[in-house]
Amino acid sequence: MELSMNNVKMAAEYFTGNLTAFNQKDDDYKNLFLAYATDANSSTIRELATLYLLGYDFNLEKHGHDGVDSKTGKLKEVKPRYIKAGDKLGSSGNFNDMTLDLLETKEDYDVICSMFTEDKLIYVVEFPFSAIYERIKKPILEAKLGKRVVCHFRYNDYNINELVVHYFDAEAARQKNCLSKPHYDMLKNKQDGLSTKLFERP
């Protein structure tokens, strides 16, 4: 499936409950779209949908940052998670094949975490990379010299004052029982009541 802007826009709308564009497609297209949009092993369309909803520009290069805020020039790294029905979210995200040199290139990034389950976007949060820098650095230092490692982080690693909750569908989170209670409470307590206006895109 070609990831045109129309497809990204439709994915963003689909996961936030607007099925107008999706319902206008034929059944074959719908089946293909759903197979791709809900593929736990391929996050590209969910990553782009997250950036689209926040109004950030895409970086389609394979390496480096995922997006940029054209107003500030701030680089963004997106960590979209998809979990199957009945599962609870474990780690909030991970960085693959990390080295100290690579870590240092990301030090000034902002990190965006989004979570999807079935047909719902559950949350979108954003925070400075500095919040998880030491957490990501630790397994790199503990690894054998020159070895690339996978570094995981959890929601409590970025439970800081600078955390921005752009979107949180608390009702869907309760219905699908996909978050731990402490994670749910953190998002609910920090949620900005005006943040959902970011998703009112043309």
N, C-alpha and C. Protein backbone atom coordinates (compact mmCIF):
# COMPACT_ATOMS: atom_id res chain seq x y z
N MET A 1 0.85 -1.19 0.00
CA MET A 1 0.00 0.00 0.00
C MET A 1 0.88 1.24 0.00
N GLU A 2 0.62 2.15 -0.90
CA GLU A 2 1.38 3.39 -0.94
C GLU A 2 0.93 4.29 0.21
N LEU A 3 1.91 4.79 0.94
CA LEU A 3 1.59 5.64 2.08
C LEU A 3 1.47 7.09 1.62
N SER A 4 0.42 7.37 0.90
CA SER A 4 0.15 8.74 0.50
C SER A 4 -0.36 9.52 1.70
N MET A 5 -0.40 10.83 1.59
CA MET A 5 -0.93 11.64 2.67
C MET A 5 -2.39 11.29 2.95
N ASN A 6 -3.14 10.92 1.90
CA ASN A 6 -4.54 10.53 2.11
C ASN A 6 -4.64 9.28 2.97
N ASN A 7 -3.71 8.32 2.75
CA ASN A 7 -3.72 7.11 3.57
C ASN A 7 -3.35 7.41 5.01
N VAL A 8 -2.37 8.27 5.20
CA VAL A 8 -1.97 8.65 6.56
C VAL A 8 -3.11 9.37 7.26
N LYS A 9 -3.76 10.28 6.55
CA LYS A 9 -4.89 11.02 7.12
C LYS A 9 -6.02 10.07 7.48
N MET A 10 -6.30 9.11 6.61
CA MET A 10 -7.37 8.16 6.89
C MET A 10 -7.03 7.31 8.11
N ALA A 11 -5.76 6.91 8.24
CA ALA A 11 -5.35 6.14 9.41
C ALA A 11 -5.52 6.95 10.68
N ALA A 12 -5.11 8.22 10.64
CA ALA A 12 -5.26 9.09 11.81
C ALA A 12 -6.73 9.22 12.20
N GLU A 13 -7.58 9.41 11.22
CA GLU A 13 -9.01 9.54 11.48
C GLU A 13 -9.59 8.22 11.99
N TYR A 14 -9.19 7.12 11.36
CA TYR A 14 -9.71 5.80 11.75
C TYR A 14 -9.42 5.51 13.22
N PHE A 15 -8.18 5.74 13.64
CA PHE A 15 -7.80 5.40 15.01
C PHE A 15 -8.37 6.37 16.05
N THR A 16 -8.86 7.52 15.59
CA THR A 16 -9.49 8.46 16.54
C THR A 16 -11.00 8.50 16.37
N GLY A 17 -11.55 7.50 15.69
CA GLY A 17 -12.99 7.30 15.68
C GLY A 17 -13.76 7.90 14.51
N ASN A 18 -13.07 8.52 13.55
CA ASN A 18 -13.74 9.07 12.37
C ASN A 18 -13.59 8.07 11.22
N LEU A 19 -14.67 7.36 10.89
CA LEU A 19 -14.61 6.30 9.89
C LEU A 19 -15.15 6.73 8.53
N THR A 20 -15.37 8.01 8.33
CA THR A 20 -15.99 8.50 7.10
C THR A 20 -15.21 8.07 5.86
N ALA A 21 -13.93 8.38 5.81
CA ALA A 21 -13.11 8.04 4.64
C ALA A 21 -12.96 6.54 4.50
N PHE A 22 -12.76 5.84 5.62
CA PHE A 22 -12.60 4.39 5.60
C PHE A 22 -13.85 3.71 5.03
N ASN A 23 -15.02 4.14 5.44
CA ASN A 23 -16.27 3.50 5.00
C ASN A 23 -16.56 3.73 3.52
N GLN A 24 -15.88 4.68 2.91
CA GLN A 24 -16.08 4.94 1.48
C GLN A 24 -15.24 4.03 0.59
N LYS A 25 -14.34 3.27 1.19
CA LYS A 25 -13.47 2.37 0.42
C LYS A 25 -14.15 1.04 0.17
N ASP A 26 -13.68 0.32 -0.86
CA ASP A 26 -14.24 -1.01 -1.12
C ASP A 26 -13.66 -2.01 -0.13
N ASP A 27 -14.27 -3.20 -0.09
CA ASP A 27 -13.89 -4.19 0.93
C ASP A 27 -12.45 -4.64 0.80
N ASP A 28 -11.96 -4.79 -0.43
CA ASP A 28 -10.58 -5.23 -0.61
C ASP A 28 -9.61 -4.20 -0.03
N TYR A 29 -9.89 -2.93 -0.30
CA TYR A 29 -9.02 -1.87 0.24
C TYR A 29 -9.08 -1.87 1.77
N LYS A 30 -10.30 -2.00 2.32
CA LYS A 30 -10.45 -2.00 3.78
C LYS A 30 -9.64 -3.14 4.40
N ASN A 31 -9.71 -4.32 3.81
CA ASN A 31 -8.98 -5.47 4.36
C ASN A 31 -7.47 -5.23 4.33
N LEU A 32 -6.99 -4.68 3.21
CA LEU A 32 -5.56 -4.40 3.09
C LEU A 32 -5.13 -3.33 4.09
N PHE A 33 -5.92 -2.29 4.18
CA PHE A 33 -5.62 -1.20 5.12
C PHE A 33 -5.55 -1.72 6.55
N LEU A 34 -6.55 -2.50 6.96
CA LEU A 34 -6.59 -2.99 8.34
C LEU A 34 -5.44 -3.95 8.63
N ALA A 35 -5.08 -4.78 7.65
CA ALA A 35 -3.96 -5.69 7.84
C ALA A 35 -2.67 -4.91 8.09
N TYR A 36 -2.51 -3.80 7.37
CA TYR A 36 -1.30 -2.99 7.51
C TYR A 36 -1.35 -2.12 8.77
N ALA A 37 -2.48 -1.50 9.01
CA ALA A 37 -2.60 -0.56 10.13
C ALA A 37 -2.51 -1.26 11.47
N THR A 38 -2.88 -2.54 11.53
CA THR A 38 -2.87 -3.27 12.80
C THR A 38 -1.79 -4.35 12.84
N ASP A 39 -0.81 -4.25 11.95
CA ASP A 39 0.31 -5.19 11.95
C ASP A 39 1.29 -4.79 13.06
N ALA A 40 1.39 -5.63 14.07
CA ALA A 40 2.24 -5.30 15.22
C ALA A 40 3.71 -5.22 14.84
N ASN A 41 4.10 -5.82 13.72
CA ASN A 41 5.50 -5.84 13.32
C ASN A 41 5.87 -4.69 12.38
N SER A 42 4.92 -3.87 12.01
CA SER A 42 5.19 -2.75 11.11
C SER A 42 4.51 -1.51 11.67
N SER A 43 5.30 -0.56 12.10
CA SER A 43 4.74 0.61 12.79
C SER A 43 4.69 1.87 11.93
N THR A 44 5.08 1.78 10.67
CA THR A 44 5.24 2.99 9.86
C THR A 44 3.97 3.82 9.79
N ILE A 45 2.84 3.20 9.48
CA ILE A 45 1.61 3.98 9.30
C ILE A 45 1.15 4.58 10.63
N ARG A 46 1.39 3.90 11.73
CA ARG A 46 1.01 4.45 13.04
C ARG A 46 1.96 5.58 13.45
N GLU A 47 3.22 5.45 13.08
CA GLU A 47 4.18 6.53 13.33
C GLU A 47 3.79 7.80 12.57
N LEU A 48 3.46 7.63 11.29
CA LEU A 48 3.10 8.78 10.47
C LEU A 48 1.77 9.38 10.91
N ALA A 49 0.83 8.52 11.29
CA ALA A 49 -0.45 9.03 11.78
C ALA A 49 -0.26 9.85 13.05
N THR A 50 0.64 9.42 13.92
CA THR A 50 0.93 10.16 15.15
C THR A 50 1.49 11.54 14.82
N LEU A 51 2.46 11.59 13.91
CA LEU A 51 3.04 12.88 13.51
C LEU A 51 2.00 13.77 12.85
N TYR A 52 1.16 13.17 12.02
CA TYR A 52 0.11 13.93 11.33
C TYR A 52 -0.83 14.59 12.34
N LEU A 53 -1.24 13.83 13.34
CA LEU A 53 -2.17 14.36 14.33
C LEU A 53 -1.58 15.52 15.12
N LEU A 54 -0.27 15.50 15.31
CA LEU A 54 0.39 16.57 16.06
C LEU A 54 0.80 17.73 15.17
N GLY A 55 0.63 17.57 13.86
CA GLY A 55 0.98 18.65 12.95
C GLY A 55 2.46 18.78 12.67
N TYR A 56 3.24 17.72 12.92
CA TYR A 56 4.67 17.75 12.67
C TYR A 56 4.96 17.23 11.26
N ASP A 57 6.05 17.70 10.69
CA ASP A 57 6.48 17.25 9.38
C ASP A 57 7.15 15.89 9.47
N PHE A 58 7.02 15.11 8.41
CA PHE A 58 7.60 13.76 8.37
C PHE A 58 9.05 13.82 7.89
N ASN A 59 9.87 12.92 8.41
CA ASN A 59 11.17 12.64 7.83
C ASN A 59 11.13 11.19 7.35
N LEU A 60 11.10 10.97 6.05
CA LEU A 60 10.91 9.64 5.51
C LEU A 60 12.21 8.87 5.32
N GLU A 61 13.33 9.47 5.71
CA GLU A 61 14.60 8.75 5.68
C GLU A 61 14.56 7.62 6.72
N LYS A 62 15.26 6.52 6.42
CA LYS A 62 15.19 5.35 7.29
C LYS A 62 15.87 5.61 8.63
N HIS A 63 16.93 6.40 8.63
CA HIS A 63 17.68 6.63 9.85
C HIS A 63 17.53 8.08 10.30
N GLY A 64 17.78 8.31 11.59
CA GLY A 64 17.68 9.66 12.12
C GLY A 64 16.32 9.92 12.73
N HIS A 65 15.97 11.19 12.85
CA HIS A 65 14.71 11.56 13.48
C HIS A 65 13.53 11.15 12.60
N ASP A 66 12.35 11.09 13.22
CA ASP A 66 11.13 10.69 12.50
C ASP A 66 10.33 11.88 12.00
N GLY A 67 10.44 12.99 12.71
CA GLY A 67 9.68 14.17 12.34
C GLY A 67 10.32 15.42 12.87
N VAL A 68 9.73 16.55 12.54
CA VAL A 68 10.26 17.84 12.99
C VAL A 68 9.10 18.80 13.16
N ASP A 69 9.19 19.62 14.18
CA ASP A 69 8.24 20.71 14.37
C ASP A 69 8.73 21.87 13.52
N SER A 70 8.03 22.16 12.45
CA SER A 70 8.49 23.19 11.51
C SER A 70 8.50 24.57 12.15
N LYS A 71 7.76 24.77 13.22
CA LYS A 71 7.71 26.07 13.88
C LYS A 71 8.93 26.31 14.75
N THR A 72 9.46 25.25 15.36
CA THR A 72 10.58 25.40 16.29
C THR A 72 11.87 24.76 15.79
N GLY A 73 11.75 23.87 14.79
CA GLY A 73 12.91 23.13 14.30
C GLY A 73 13.29 21.96 15.18
N LYS A 74 12.50 21.69 16.22
CA LYS A 74 12.80 20.60 17.15
C LYS A 74 12.58 19.25 16.49
N LEU A 75 13.57 18.36 16.61
CA LEU A 75 13.49 17.03 16.02
C LEU A 75 12.72 16.09 16.94
N LYS A 76 11.96 15.19 16.31
CA LYS A 76 11.07 14.29 17.05
C LYS A 76 11.37 12.83 16.73
N GLU A 77 11.34 12.01 17.74
CA GLU A 77 11.45 10.56 17.57
C GLU A 77 10.14 9.95 18.07
N VAL A 78 9.50 9.13 17.24
CA VAL A 78 8.19 8.57 17.57
C VAL A 78 8.33 7.09 17.93
N LYS A 79 7.69 6.72 19.02
CA LYS A 79 7.66 5.34 19.47
C LYS A 79 6.20 4.88 19.58
N PRO A 80 5.63 4.42 18.46
CA PRO A 80 4.25 3.94 18.51
C PRO A 80 4.19 2.48 18.92
N ARG A 81 3.33 2.17 19.85
CA ARG A 81 3.17 0.78 20.29
C ARG A 81 1.79 0.29 19.89
N TYR A 82 1.74 -0.97 19.46
CA TYR A 82 0.45 -1.60 19.14
C TYR A 82 0.36 -2.88 19.95
N ILE A 83 -0.73 -3.06 20.67
CA ILE A 83 -0.91 -4.28 21.42
C ILE A 83 -2.23 -4.94 21.02
N LYS A 84 -2.25 -6.25 21.11
CA LYS A 84 -3.43 -7.02 20.73
C LYS A 84 -4.50 -6.93 21.80
N ALA A 85 -5.72 -7.24 21.40
CA ALA A 85 -6.85 -7.21 22.33
C ALA A 85 -6.58 -8.15 23.49
N GLY A 86 -6.85 -7.67 24.69
CA GLY A 86 -6.68 -8.47 25.89
C GLY A 86 -5.32 -8.33 26.54
N ASP A 87 -4.36 -7.71 25.83
CA ASP A 87 -3.03 -7.51 26.40
C ASP A 87 -2.95 -6.18 27.13
N LYS A 88 -1.97 -6.09 28.03
CA LYS A 88 -1.65 -4.82 28.67
C LYS A 88 -0.29 -4.35 28.18
N LEU A 89 -0.13 -3.05 28.12
CA LEU A 89 1.13 -2.48 27.66
C LEU A 89 2.23 -2.80 28.66
N GLY A 90 3.37 -3.27 28.14
CA GLY A 90 4.54 -3.50 28.97
C GLY A 90 5.44 -2.28 28.90
N SER A 91 6.54 -2.39 28.17
CA SER A 91 7.42 -1.23 28.02
C SER A 91 6.76 -0.21 27.10
N SER A 92 7.08 1.06 27.33
CA SER A 92 6.48 2.12 26.52
C SER A 92 7.18 2.29 25.18
N GLY A 93 8.41 1.80 25.10
CA GLY A 93 9.13 1.92 23.85
C GLY A 93 10.53 1.37 23.98
N ASN A 94 11.24 1.33 22.87
CA ASN A 94 12.62 0.88 22.90
C ASN A 94 13.40 1.50 21.75
N PHE A 95 14.71 1.52 21.93
CA PHE A 95 15.63 1.98 20.90
C PHE A 95 16.51 0.80 20.50
N ASN A 96 16.49 0.47 19.22
CA ASN A 96 17.24 -0.69 18.73
C ASN A 96 18.66 -0.30 18.32
N ASP A 97 19.58 -1.25 18.46
CA ASP A 97 20.95 -1.09 17.95
C ASP A 97 21.60 0.20 18.44
N MET A 98 21.46 0.46 19.73
CA MET A 98 21.98 1.70 20.29
C MET A 98 23.45 1.60 20.64
N THR A 99 24.17 2.68 20.41
CA THR A 99 25.54 2.87 20.84
C THR A 99 25.62 4.23 21.52
N LEU A 100 26.72 4.49 22.20
CA LEU A 100 26.87 5.79 22.84
C LEU A 100 26.90 6.91 21.81
N ASP A 101 27.54 6.68 20.68
CA ASP A 101 27.59 7.70 19.64
C ASP A 101 26.19 8.02 19.12
N LEU A 102 25.40 6.97 18.90
CA LEU A 102 24.03 7.18 18.41
C LEU A 102 23.18 7.86 19.47
N LEU A 103 23.37 7.48 20.71
CA LEU A 103 22.62 8.08 21.82
C LEU A 103 22.86 9.59 21.87
N GLU A 104 24.10 9.99 21.68
CA GLU A 104 24.43 11.41 21.77
C GLU A 104 23.78 12.23 20.66
N THR A 105 23.53 11.61 19.51
CA THR A 105 22.87 12.35 18.42
C THR A 105 21.41 12.64 18.74
N LYS A 106 20.83 11.88 19.66
CA LYS A 106 19.42 12.03 20.00
C LYS A 106 19.19 12.88 21.25
N GLU A 107 20.25 13.34 21.86
CA GLU A 107 20.16 13.97 23.18
C GLU A 107 19.22 15.17 23.21
N ASP A 108 19.13 15.90 22.11
CA ASP A 108 18.29 17.09 22.08
C ASP A 108 16.92 16.85 21.42
N TYR A 109 16.61 15.60 21.11
CA TYR A 109 15.32 15.27 20.51
C TYR A 109 14.20 15.40 21.54
N ASP A 110 12.99 15.46 21.04
CA ASP A 110 11.80 15.17 21.83
C ASP A 110 11.33 13.77 21.45
N VAL A 111 10.79 13.04 22.42
CA VAL A 111 10.27 11.69 22.18
C VAL A 111 8.75 11.74 22.25
N ILE A 112 8.11 11.10 21.29
CA ILE A 112 6.65 10.99 21.25
C ILE A 112 6.29 9.52 21.38
N CYS A 113 5.51 9.19 22.38
CA CYS A 113 5.02 7.82 22.55
C CYS A 113 3.52 7.80 22.26
N SER A 114 3.11 6.88 21.41
CA SER A 114 1.68 6.68 21.16
C SER A 114 1.37 5.21 21.33
N MET A 115 0.14 4.93 21.71
CA MET A 115 -0.28 3.54 21.92
C MET A 115 -1.58 3.28 21.21
N PHE A 116 -1.63 2.18 20.49
CA PHE A 116 -2.80 1.76 19.74
C PHE A 116 -3.18 0.34 20.17
N THR A 117 -4.47 0.08 20.18
CA THR A 117 -4.94 -1.29 20.35
C THR A 117 -6.21 -1.47 19.55
N GLU A 118 -6.26 -2.54 18.78
CA GLU A 118 -7.37 -2.80 17.87
C GLU A 118 -7.62 -1.57 16.98
N ASP A 119 -8.78 -0.94 17.10
CA ASP A 119 -9.12 0.19 16.23
C ASP A 119 -9.01 1.53 16.94
N LYS A 120 -8.28 1.58 18.06
CA LYS A 120 -8.26 2.80 18.86
C LYS A 120 -6.84 3.31 19.10
N LEU A 121 -6.70 4.63 19.02
CA LEU A 121 -5.54 5.31 19.57
C LEU A 121 -5.85 5.59 21.03
N ILE A 122 -5.01 5.12 21.93
CA ILE A 122 -5.26 5.28 23.35
C ILE A 122 -4.62 6.57 23.88
N TYR A 123 -3.37 6.81 23.54
CA TYR A 123 -2.75 8.04 24.01
C TYR A 123 -1.61 8.49 23.10
N VAL A 124 -1.30 9.77 23.21
CA VAL A 124 -0.11 10.36 22.59
C VAL A 124 0.52 11.28 23.63
N VAL A 125 1.77 11.02 23.97
CA VAL A 125 2.48 11.87 24.92
C VAL A 125 3.81 12.31 24.32
N GLU A 126 4.36 13.38 24.85
CA GLU A 126 5.62 13.91 24.34
C GLU A 126 6.45 14.42 25.51
N PHE A 127 7.76 14.20 25.42
CA PHE A 127 8.66 14.63 26.49
C PHE A 127 10.07 14.77 25.93
N PRO A 128 10.94 15.52 26.60
CA PRO A 128 12.32 15.65 26.13
C PRO A 128 13.09 14.35 26.32
N PHE A 129 13.97 14.06 25.38
CA PHE A 129 14.77 12.84 25.45
C PHE A 129 15.57 12.77 26.74
N SER A 130 15.91 13.92 27.28
CA SER A 130 16.70 13.95 28.51
C SER A 130 16.04 13.18 29.65
N ALA A 131 14.70 13.03 29.59
CA ALA A 131 13.98 12.31 30.65
C ALA A 131 14.39 10.84 30.72
N ILE A 132 14.74 10.26 29.59
CA ILE A 132 15.08 8.83 29.56
C ILE A 132 16.54 8.59 29.19
N TYR A 133 17.32 9.66 29.09
CA TYR A 133 18.70 9.54 28.62
C TYR A 133 19.50 8.54 29.46
N GLU A 134 19.47 8.69 30.77
CA GLU A 134 20.26 7.81 31.64
C GLU A 134 19.73 6.38 31.60
N ARG A 135 18.41 6.23 31.48
CA ARG A 135 17.83 4.88 31.39
C ARG A 135 18.31 4.19 30.12
N ILE A 136 18.39 4.91 29.01
CA ILE A 136 18.85 4.33 27.75
C ILE A 136 20.36 4.09 27.79
N LYS A 137 21.07 4.97 28.45
CA LYS A 137 22.53 4.88 28.49
C LYS A 137 23.03 3.68 29.29
N LYS A 138 22.33 3.32 30.34
CA LYS A 138 22.80 2.27 31.26
C LYS A 138 23.08 0.94 30.56
N PRO A 139 22.15 0.36 29.80
CA PRO A 139 22.46 -0.92 29.16
C PRO A 139 23.56 -0.83 28.10
N ILE A 140 23.76 0.35 27.54
CA ILE A 140 24.85 0.53 26.58
C ILE A 140 26.19 0.41 27.29
N LEU A 141 26.29 1.04 28.45
CA LEU A 141 27.53 0.99 29.22
C LEU A 141 27.81 -0.41 29.74
N GLU A 142 26.73 -1.15 30.00
CA GLU A 142 26.88 -2.50 30.55
C GLU A 142 27.15 -3.55 29.49
N ALA A 143 26.95 -3.20 28.22
CA ALA A 143 27.16 -4.16 27.13
C ALA A 143 28.64 -4.29 26.81
N LYS A 144 28.98 -5.35 26.11
CA LYS A 144 30.36 -5.54 25.67
C LYS A 144 30.75 -4.42 24.71
N LEU A 145 31.99 -4.04 24.73
CA LEU A 145 32.49 -2.94 23.93
C LEU A 145 32.14 -3.13 22.46
N GLY A 146 31.51 -2.11 21.88
CA GLY A 146 31.19 -2.16 20.45
C GLY A 146 29.88 -2.86 20.12
N LYS A 147 29.26 -3.50 21.10
CA LYS A 147 28.03 -4.23 20.83
C LYS A 147 26.83 -3.27 20.84
N ARG A 148 25.99 -3.41 19.83
CA ARG A 148 24.75 -2.63 19.80
C ARG A 148 23.69 -3.34 20.64
N VAL A 149 22.91 -2.57 21.38
CA VAL A 149 21.94 -3.17 22.29
C VAL A 149 20.56 -2.56 22.07
N VAL A 150 19.56 -3.26 22.57
CA VAL A 150 18.19 -2.76 22.57
C VAL A 150 17.91 -2.18 23.95
N CYS A 151 17.48 -0.93 23.99
CA CYS A 151 17.27 -0.23 25.26
C CYS A 151 15.78 0.07 25.43
N HIS A 152 15.19 -0.44 26.50
CA HIS A 152 13.77 -0.26 26.76
C HIS A 152 13.56 0.86 27.79
N PHE A 153 12.38 1.45 27.73
CA PHE A 153 11.99 2.40 28.77
C PHE A 153 10.51 2.24 29.05
N ARG A 154 10.09 2.70 30.23
CA ARG A 154 8.71 2.58 30.68
C ARG A 154 8.12 3.95 30.98
N TYR A 155 6.80 3.97 31.16
CA TYR A 155 6.10 5.24 31.37
C TYR A 155 6.62 5.99 32.58
N ASN A 156 6.99 5.27 33.65
CA ASN A 156 7.43 5.97 34.86
C ASN A 156 8.79 6.63 34.67
N ASP A 157 9.52 6.27 33.60
CA ASP A 157 10.79 6.94 33.31
C ASP A 157 10.58 8.37 32.83
N TYR A 158 9.41 8.64 32.25
CA TYR A 158 9.17 10.00 31.75
C TYR A 158 8.01 10.70 32.49
N ASN A 159 7.76 10.27 33.68
CA ASN A 159 6.74 10.91 34.52
C ASN A 159 7.34 12.17 35.15
N ILE A 160 7.45 13.21 34.34
CA ILE A 160 8.13 14.44 34.74
C ILE A 160 7.21 15.64 34.48
N ASN A 161 7.59 16.78 34.99
CA ASN A 161 6.78 17.98 34.81
C ASN A 161 6.66 18.38 33.34
N GLU A 162 7.69 18.09 32.55
CA GLU A 162 7.70 18.48 31.14
C GLU A 162 6.86 17.56 30.25
N LEU A 163 6.33 16.49 30.81
CA LEU A 163 5.51 15.57 30.03
C LEU A 163 4.25 16.27 29.53
N VAL A 164 3.98 16.14 28.23
CA VAL A 164 2.77 16.69 27.64
C VAL A 164 1.88 15.53 27.20
N VAL A 165 0.68 15.47 27.72
CA VAL A 165 -0.30 14.48 27.28
C VAL A 165 -1.15 15.15 26.20
N HIS A 166 -0.82 14.86 24.94
CA HIS A 166 -1.54 15.47 23.83
C HIS A 166 -2.94 14.87 23.68
N TYR A 167 -3.05 13.58 24.00
CA TYR A 167 -4.33 12.89 23.76
C TYR A 167 -4.40 11.67 24.67
N PHE A 168 -5.54 11.47 25.28
CA PHE A 168 -5.76 10.28 26.09
C PHE A 168 -7.23 9.91 26.04
N ASP A 169 -7.53 8.75 25.45
CA ASP A 169 -8.89 8.25 25.40
C ASP A 169 -9.10 7.36 26.62
N ALA A 170 -9.46 8.00 27.72
CA ALA A 170 -9.58 7.29 28.99
C ALA A 170 -10.67 6.23 28.94
N GLU A 171 -11.77 6.53 28.25
CA GLU A 171 -12.87 5.57 28.17
C GLU A 171 -12.43 4.30 27.45
N ALA A 172 -11.73 4.46 26.31
CA ALA A 172 -11.25 3.29 25.57
C ALA A 172 -10.24 2.51 26.40
N ALA A 173 -9.38 3.23 27.13
CA ALA A 173 -8.38 2.56 27.97
C ALA A 173 -9.06 1.71 29.03
N ARG A 174 -10.14 2.23 29.61
CA ARG A 174 -10.88 1.45 30.62
C ARG A 174 -11.57 0.26 29.98
N GLN A 175 -12.23 0.48 28.86
CA GLN A 175 -12.98 -0.60 28.21
C GLN A 175 -12.06 -1.74 27.78
N LYS A 176 -10.92 -1.39 27.27
CA LYS A 176 -10.01 -2.40 26.73
C LYS A 176 -9.01 -2.90 27.78
N ASN A 177 -9.01 -2.25 28.94
CA ASN A 177 -8.17 -2.69 30.05
C ASN A 177 -6.74 -2.94 29.60
N CYS A 178 -6.17 -1.96 28.90
CA CYS A 178 -4.87 -2.15 28.26
C CYS A 178 -3.72 -1.46 28.98
N LEU A 179 -4.03 -0.74 30.08
CA LEU A 179 -3.00 -0.05 30.85
C LEU A 179 -3.05 -0.49 32.30
N SER A 180 -1.90 -0.47 32.94
CA SER A 180 -1.90 -0.68 34.39
C SER A 180 -2.56 0.52 35.06
N LYS A 181 -3.04 0.34 36.26
CA LYS A 181 -3.71 1.45 36.96
C LYS A 181 -2.76 2.63 37.20
N PRO A 182 -1.50 2.41 37.62
CA PRO A 182 -0.60 3.56 37.80
C PRO A 182 -0.36 4.32 36.49
N HIS A 183 -0.26 3.61 35.38
CA HIS A 183 -0.06 4.27 34.09
C HIS A 183 -1.30 5.07 33.71
N TYR A 184 -2.46 4.46 33.87
CA TYR A 184 -3.72 5.15 33.59
C TYR A 184 -3.83 6.42 34.43
N ASP A 185 -3.55 6.29 35.72
CA ASP A 185 -3.68 7.43 36.63
C ASP A 185 -2.71 8.55 36.26
N MET A 186 -1.49 8.18 35.85
CA MET A 186 -0.52 9.20 35.45
C MET A 186 -1.03 10.00 34.26
N LEU A 187 -1.54 9.31 33.25
CA LEU A 187 -2.05 9.98 32.06
C LEU A 187 -3.26 10.85 32.39
N LYS A 188 -4.15 10.31 33.21
CA LYS A 188 -5.36 11.05 33.56
C LYS A 188 -5.03 12.31 34.35
N ASN A 189 -4.08 12.19 35.26
CA ASN A 189 -3.73 13.33 36.10
C ASN A 189 -3.02 14.43 35.32
N LYS A 190 -2.26 14.04 34.29
CA LYS A 190 -1.49 15.02 33.54
C LYS A 190 -2.18 15.50 32.28
N GLN A 191 -3.31 14.91 31.96
CA GLN A 191 -3.99 15.25 30.70
C GLN A 191 -4.38 16.71 30.66
N ASP A 192 -4.09 17.33 29.55
CA ASP A 192 -4.49 18.72 29.31
C ASP A 192 -5.86 18.69 28.67
N GLY A 193 -6.84 19.30 29.28
CA GLY A 193 -8.21 19.24 28.77
C GLY A 193 -8.37 19.85 27.40
N LEU A 194 -7.46 20.72 26.99
CA LEU A 194 -7.55 21.35 25.68
C LEU A 194 -6.74 20.61 24.62
N SER A 195 -6.00 19.57 25.02
CA SER A 195 -5.05 18.96 24.09
C SER A 195 -5.71 18.29 22.90
N THR A 196 -6.93 17.78 23.05
CA THR A 196 -7.56 17.08 21.94
C THR A 196 -7.85 18.00 20.76
N LYS A 197 -7.81 19.32 20.98
CA LYS A 197 -8.01 20.25 19.87
C LYS A 197 -6.91 20.13 18.82
N LEU A 198 -5.76 19.57 19.24
CA LEU A 198 -4.68 19.36 18.28
C LEU A 198 -5.09 18.40 17.17
N PHE A 199 -6.11 17.59 17.43
CA PHE A 199 -6.51 16.57 16.48
C PHE A 199 -7.61 17.04 15.54
N GLU A 200 -8.02 18.29 15.67
CA GLU A 200 -9.05 18.82 14.78
C GLU A 200 -8.38 19.39 13.54
N ARG A 201 -7.92 18.48 12.66
CA ARG A 201 -7.20 18.90 11.45
C ARG A 201 -8.14 18.89 10.25
N PRO A 202 -7.87 19.72 9.25
CA PRO A 202 -8.74 19.76 8.07
C PRO A 202 -8.59 18.48 7.26
